[in-house]
Amino acid sequence: MTTNEYQVSGMTCGHCEMSIREEVGLIAGVESIEVSARTGRLRVTAAQGIDDARVLAAVEDAGYSAVRDR
């Protein structure tokens, strides 16, 4: 299992969390998604490696911006 964390800008509510969860959930191999508007954090877990570019693009498709936490 691989887990990557991201800082997301622009989330304010549960609907924001749901939008991000839906878009990131479309990425093949993603097993779990934790997202919090309160903290602005997104944690994505997958069985194999996670392609940051795909996660960041999915967040953007949901209407937000994100950067990978190192």
C-alpha atoms as a PDB file:
ATOM      1  CA  MET A   1       0.000   0.000   0.000  1.00  0.00           C
ATOM      2  CA  THR A   2       1.119   3.516  -0.803  1.00  0.00           C
ATOM      3  CA  THR A   3      -0.315   6.646   0.811  1.00  0.00           C
ATOM      4  CA  ASN A   4       0.239  10.191  -0.434  1.00  0.00           C
ATOM      5  CA  GLU A   5      -0.947  13.379   1.222  1.00  0.00           C
ATOM      6  CA  TYR A   6      -1.916  16.667  -0.392  1.00  0.00           C
ATOM      7  CA  GLN A   7      -2.855  20.167   0.747  1.00  0.00           C
ATOM      8  CA  VAL A   8      -6.025  21.334  -1.012  1.00  0.00           C
ATOM      9  CA  SER A   9      -7.042  24.985  -1.404  1.00  0.00           C
ATOM     10  CA  GLY A  10     -10.613  26.225  -1.609  1.00  0.00           C
ATOM     11  CA  MET A  11     -12.560  23.563   0.289  1.00  0.00           C
ATOM     12  CA  THR A  12     -15.141  24.957   2.695  1.00  0.00           C
ATOM     13  CA  CYS A  13     -17.742  22.250   3.307  1.00  0.00           C
ATOM     14  CA  GLY A  14     -18.854  18.646   3.059  1.00  0.00           C
ATOM     15  CA  HIS A  15     -19.954  19.155  -0.546  1.00  0.00           C
ATOM     16  CA  CYS A  16     -16.384  20.184  -1.410  1.00  0.00           C
ATOM     17  CA  GLU A  17     -15.106  16.994   0.222  1.00  0.00           C
ATOM     18  CA  MET A  18     -17.628  14.897  -1.699  1.00  0.00           C
ATOM     19  CA  SER A  19     -16.670  16.485  -5.041  1.00  0.00           C
ATOM     20  CA  ILE A  20     -12.993  15.717  -4.478  1.00  0.00           C
ATOM     21  CA  ARG A  21     -13.732  12.199  -3.236  1.00  0.00           C
ATOM     22  CA  GLU A  22     -15.782  11.470  -6.372  1.00  0.00           C
ATOM     23  CA  GLU A  23     -13.122  12.729  -8.809  1.00  0.00           C
ATOM     24  CA  VAL A  24     -10.149  11.090  -7.068  1.00  0.00           C
ATOM     25  CA  GLY A  25     -12.180   7.892  -6.717  1.00  0.00           C
ATOM     26  CA  LEU A  26     -12.237   7.569 -10.511  1.00  0.00           C
ATOM     27  CA  ILE A  27      -8.474   6.945 -10.562  1.00  0.00           C
ATOM     28  CA  ALA A  28      -7.709   3.260 -11.101  1.00  0.00           C
ATOM     29  CA  GLY A  29      -6.115   1.565  -8.111  1.00  0.00           C
ATOM     30  CA  VAL A  30      -7.231   4.061  -5.466  1.00  0.00           C
ATOM     31  CA  GLU A  31      -8.371   2.113  -2.413  1.00  0.00           C
ATOM     32  CA  SER A  32      -9.219   4.836   0.096  1.00  0.00           C
ATOM     33  CA  ILE A  33      -9.646   8.584   0.184  1.00  0.00           C
ATOM     34  CA  GLU A  34      -9.695  10.777   3.284  1.00  0.00           C
ATOM     35  CA  VAL A  35     -10.469  14.451   2.734  1.00  0.00           C
ATOM     36  CA  SER A  36     -11.172  17.237   5.218  1.00  0.00           C
ATOM     37  CA  ALA A  37     -12.407  20.731   4.418  1.00  0.00           C
ATOM     38  CA  ARG A  38     -11.555  21.712   7.998  1.00  0.00           C
ATOM     39  CA  THR A  39      -7.848  20.914   7.626  1.00  0.00           C
ATOM     40  CA  GLY A  40      -7.549  21.177   3.834  1.00  0.00           C
ATOM     41  CA  ARG A  41      -5.921  17.741   3.757  1.00  0.00           C
ATOM     42  CA  LEU A  42      -6.359  14.934   1.255  1.00  0.00           C
ATOM     43  CA  ARG A  43      -4.918  11.471   1.845  1.00  0.00           C
ATOM     44  CA  VAL A  44      -5.031   8.918  -0.971  1.00  0.00           C
ATOM     45  CA  THR A  45      -4.125   5.248  -0.510  1.00  0.00           C
ATOM     46  CA  ALA A  46      -3.581   2.770  -3.338  1.00  0.00           C
ATOM     47  CA  ALA A  47      -2.306  -0.792  -3.647  1.00  0.00           C
ATOM     48  CA  GLN A  48       0.358   0.344  -6.116  1.00  0.00           C
ATOM     49  CA  GLY A  49       2.156   3.664  -6.503  1.00  0.00           C
ATOM     50  CA  ILE A  50       0.065   6.789  -6.848  1.00  0.00           C
ATOM     51  CA  ASP A  51       0.508   9.100  -9.842  1.00  0.00           C
ATOM     52  CA  ASP A  52       0.546  12.590  -8.304  1.00  0.00           C
ATOM     53  CA  ALA A  53      -0.276  14.203 -11.644  1.00  0.00           C
ATOM     54  CA  ARG A  54      -3.521  12.206 -11.880  1.00  0.00           C
ATOM     55  CA  VAL A  55      -4.533  13.072  -8.308  1.00  0.00           C
ATOM     56  CA  LEU A  56      -3.765  16.768  -8.823  1.00  0.00           C
ATOM     57  CA  ALA A  57      -5.705  16.757 -12.111  1.00  0.00           C
ATOM     58  CA  ALA A  58      -8.689  15.088 -10.409  1.00  0.00           C
ATOM     59  CA  VAL A  59      -8.674  17.726  -7.662  1.00  0.00           C
ATOM     60  CA  GLU A  60      -8.556  20.425 -10.342  1.00  0.00           C
ATOM     61  CA  ASP A  61     -11.453  18.746 -12.199  1.00  0.00           C
ATOM     62  CA  ALA A  62     -13.423  19.012  -8.956  1.00  0.00           C
ATOM     63  CA  GLY A  63     -12.762  22.767  -8.939  1.00  0.00           C
ATOM     64  CA  TYR A  64      -9.923  23.037  -6.418  1.00  0.00           C
ATOM     65  CA  SER A  65      -6.146  23.193  -6.403  1.00  0.00           C
ATOM     66  CA  ALA A  66      -3.709  21.020  -4.499  1.00  0.00           C
ATOM     67  CA  VAL A  67      -0.019  20.441  -3.879  1.00  0.00           C
ATOM     68  CA  ARG A  68       1.681  17.269  -2.708  1.00  0.00           C
ATOM     69  CA  ASP A  69       2.897  17.248   0.879  1.00  0.00           C
ATOM     70  CA  ARG A  70       6.415  15.895   1.101  1.00  0.00           C
END
